[in-house]
Amino acid sequence: MKKESRTPEEKLMDKISSDAQKKIDARKKGKEIMFGLGIFGIVGFSIAIPTLLGILLGSYLDGRTESSISFTMTFLFLGLVIGCINAWRWVKETSEGKK
């Protein structure tokens, strides 16, 4: 018969250690996923809010003035550009801080 070099206690300790490491790894991955979703949401809002504000301001100005220029489209574009710049800066600062 072949004698095992490891005791049942050692096997149990290895199993517990392995399970604990798996839980730690799963938590780290879960945090990374939540961090990514958080960034996705913040980037979306940082673009959507200025764009919607631009539409509201443009619509208000279109209603108050008689002009051949569409303020709604102008401020929509301006809000979109401002939102994209804001999101780009935020992502850049966040990724530099994570390194």
C-alpha atoms as a PDB file:
ATOM      1  CA  MET A   1       0.000   0.000   0.000  1.00  0.00           C
ATOM      2  CA  LYS A   2       1.027   3.515  -0.708  1.00  0.00           C
ATOM      3  CA  LYS A   3       1.328   5.817   2.254  1.00  0.00           C
ATOM      4  CA  GLU A   4       0.127   9.407   1.850  1.00  0.00           C
ATOM      5  CA  SER A   5       2.574  12.058   2.912  1.00  0.00           C
ATOM      6  CA  ARG A   6      -0.162  14.550   3.798  1.00  0.00           C
ATOM      7  CA  THR A   7      -2.447  14.314   6.750  1.00  0.00           C
ATOM      8  CA  PRO A   8      -6.195  14.950   6.514  1.00  0.00           C
ATOM      9  CA  GLU A   9      -5.676  18.181   8.466  1.00  0.00           C
ATOM     10  CA  GLU A  10      -3.191  19.426   5.866  1.00  0.00           C
ATOM     11  CA  LYS A  11      -5.595  18.556   3.052  1.00  0.00           C
ATOM     12  CA  LEU A  12      -8.362  20.428   4.846  1.00  0.00           C
ATOM     13  CA  MET A  13      -6.137  23.482   5.339  1.00  0.00           C
ATOM     14  CA  ASP A  14      -5.225  23.467   1.644  1.00  0.00           C
ATOM     15  CA  LYS A  15      -8.901  23.227   0.675  1.00  0.00           C
ATOM     16  CA  ILE A  16      -9.837  26.120   2.995  1.00  0.00           C
ATOM     17  CA  SER A  17      -6.946  28.215   1.686  1.00  0.00           C
ATOM     18  CA  SER A  18      -7.939  27.516  -1.907  1.00  0.00           C
ATOM     19  CA  ASP A  19     -11.589  28.417  -1.244  1.00  0.00           C
ATOM     20  CA  ALA A  20     -10.593  31.620   0.544  1.00  0.00           C
ATOM     21  CA  GLN A  21      -8.373  32.665  -2.365  1.00  0.00           C
ATOM     22  CA  LYS A  22     -11.207  32.016  -4.809  1.00  0.00           C
ATOM     23  CA  LYS A  23     -13.509  34.260  -2.751  1.00  0.00           C
ATOM     24  CA  ILE A  24     -10.903  37.015  -2.641  1.00  0.00           C
ATOM     25  CA  ASP A  25     -10.419  36.819  -6.414  1.00  0.00           C
ATOM     26  CA  ALA A  26     -14.181  36.886  -7.008  1.00  0.00           C
ATOM     27  CA  ARG A  27     -14.539  40.001  -4.853  1.00  0.00           C
ATOM     28  CA  LYS A  28     -11.763  41.745  -6.759  1.00  0.00           C
ATOM     29  CA  LYS A  29     -13.394  40.913 -10.084  1.00  0.00           C
ATOM     30  CA  GLY A  30     -16.770  42.039  -8.780  1.00  0.00           C
ATOM     31  CA  LYS A  31     -15.324  45.366  -7.711  1.00  0.00           C
ATOM     32  CA  GLU A  32     -13.728  45.832 -11.134  1.00  0.00           C
ATOM     33  CA  ILE A  33     -17.050  45.156 -12.833  1.00  0.00           C
ATOM     34  CA  MET A  34     -18.888  47.576 -10.550  1.00  0.00           C
ATOM     35  CA  PHE A  35     -16.149  50.176 -11.069  1.00  0.00           C
ATOM     36  CA  GLY A  36     -16.524  49.809 -14.835  1.00  0.00           C
ATOM     37  CA  LEU A  37     -20.294  50.145 -14.638  1.00  0.00           C
ATOM     38  CA  GLY A  38     -19.900  53.180 -12.411  1.00  0.00           C
ATOM     39  CA  ILE A  39     -17.594  54.844 -14.903  1.00  0.00           C
ATOM     40  CA  PHE A  40     -20.004  53.984 -17.705  1.00  0.00           C
ATOM     41  CA  GLY A  41     -22.855  55.659 -15.811  1.00  0.00           C
ATOM     42  CA  ILE A  42     -20.863  58.747 -14.870  1.00  0.00           C
ATOM     43  CA  VAL A  43     -19.596  59.182 -18.420  1.00  0.00           C
ATOM     44  CA  GLY A  44     -23.154  58.841 -19.733  1.00  0.00           C
ATOM     45  CA  PHE A  45     -24.487  61.441 -17.337  1.00  0.00           C
ATOM     46  CA  SER A  46     -21.579  63.804 -17.941  1.00  0.00           C
ATOM     47  CA  ILE A  47     -22.497  63.802 -21.632  1.00  0.00           C
ATOM     48  CA  ALA A  48     -26.295  63.675 -21.281  1.00  0.00           C
ATOM     49  CA  ILE A  49     -26.722  66.500 -18.739  1.00  0.00           C
ATOM     50  CA  PRO A  50     -24.949  69.251 -20.753  1.00  0.00           C
ATOM     51  CA  THR A  51     -26.668  68.036 -23.922  1.00  0.00           C
ATOM     52  CA  LEU A  52     -30.117  68.224 -22.324  1.00  0.00           C
ATOM     53  CA  LEU A  53     -29.344  71.607 -20.814  1.00  0.00           C
ATOM     54  CA  GLY A  54     -28.276  72.801 -24.263  1.00  0.00           C
ATOM     55  CA  ILE A  55     -31.551  71.571 -25.755  1.00  0.00           C
ATOM     56  CA  LEU A  56     -33.573  73.308 -23.029  1.00  0.00           C
ATOM     57  CA  LEU A  57     -31.696  76.587 -23.444  1.00  0.00           C
ATOM     58  CA  GLY A  58     -31.931  76.415 -27.236  1.00  0.00           C
ATOM     59  CA  SER A  59     -35.627  75.628 -27.135  1.00  0.00           C
ATOM     60  CA  TYR A  60     -36.235  78.540 -24.774  1.00  0.00           C
ATOM     61  CA  LEU A  61     -34.291  80.922 -27.025  1.00  0.00           C
ATOM     62  CA  ASP A  62     -36.100  79.633 -30.146  1.00  0.00           C
ATOM     63  CA  GLY A  63     -39.422  80.402 -28.475  1.00  0.00           C
ATOM     64  CA  ARG A  64     -38.347  83.890 -27.400  1.00  0.00           C
ATOM     65  CA  THR A  65     -36.720  85.080 -30.637  1.00  0.00           C
ATOM     66  CA  GLU A  66     -37.579  85.150 -34.313  1.00  0.00           C
ATOM     67  CA  SER A  67     -34.327  84.050 -35.902  1.00  0.00           C
ATOM     68  CA  SER A  68     -33.325  81.981 -38.893  1.00  0.00           C
ATOM     69  CA  ILE A  69     -30.747  80.231 -36.684  1.00  0.00           C
ATOM     70  CA  SER A  70     -31.945  77.188 -34.772  1.00  0.00           C
ATOM     71  CA  PHE A  71     -30.728  77.767 -31.246  1.00  0.00           C
ATOM     72  CA  THR A  72     -31.912  74.305 -30.253  1.00  0.00           C
ATOM     73  CA  MET A  73     -29.574  72.592 -32.711  1.00  0.00           C
ATOM     74  CA  THR A  74     -26.734  74.991 -31.935  1.00  0.00           C
ATOM     75  CA  PHE A  75     -26.912  74.475 -28.181  1.00  0.00           C
ATOM     76  CA  LEU A  76     -27.520  70.738 -28.602  1.00  0.00           C
ATOM     77  CA  PHE A  77     -24.224  70.490 -30.463  1.00  0.00           C
ATOM     78  CA  LEU A  78     -22.473  72.791 -27.986  1.00  0.00           C
ATOM     79  CA  GLY A  79     -23.791  70.765 -25.010  1.00  0.00           C
ATOM     80  CA  LEU A  80     -22.680  67.536 -26.647  1.00  0.00           C
ATOM     81  CA  VAL A  81     -19.168  68.876 -27.234  1.00  0.00           C
ATOM     82  CA  ILE A  82     -18.909  70.187 -23.664  1.00  0.00           C
ATOM     83  CA  GLY A  83     -20.187  66.865 -22.303  1.00  0.00           C
ATOM     84  CA  CYS A  84     -17.704  64.834 -24.344  1.00  0.00           C
ATOM     85  CA  ILE A  85     -14.792  67.025 -23.242  1.00  0.00           C
ATOM     86  CA  ASN A  86     -15.938  66.742 -19.634  1.00  0.00           C
ATOM     87  CA  ALA A  87     -16.233  62.938 -19.880  1.00  0.00           C
ATOM     88  CA  TRP A  88     -12.846  62.643 -21.569  1.00  0.00           C
ATOM     89  CA  ARG A  89     -11.176  64.708 -18.832  1.00  0.00           C
ATOM     90  CA  TRP A  90     -12.878  62.695 -16.085  1.00  0.00           C
ATOM     91  CA  VAL A  91     -11.870  59.331 -17.591  1.00  0.00           C
ATOM     92  CA  LYS A  92      -8.314  60.568 -18.140  1.00  0.00           C
ATOM     93  CA  GLU A  93      -7.994  61.743 -14.514  1.00  0.00           C
ATOM     94  CA  THR A  94      -9.541  58.519 -13.193  1.00  0.00           C
ATOM     95  CA  SER A  95      -7.258  56.268 -15.259  1.00  0.00           C
ATOM     96  CA  GLU A  96      -4.156  58.243 -14.223  1.00  0.00           C
ATOM     97  CA  GLY A  97      -5.133  57.954 -10.567  1.00  0.00           C
ATOM     98  CA  LYS A  98      -5.620  54.182 -10.858  1.00  0.00           C
ATOM     99  CA  LYS A  99      -2.064  53.503 -12.047  1.00  0.00           C
END
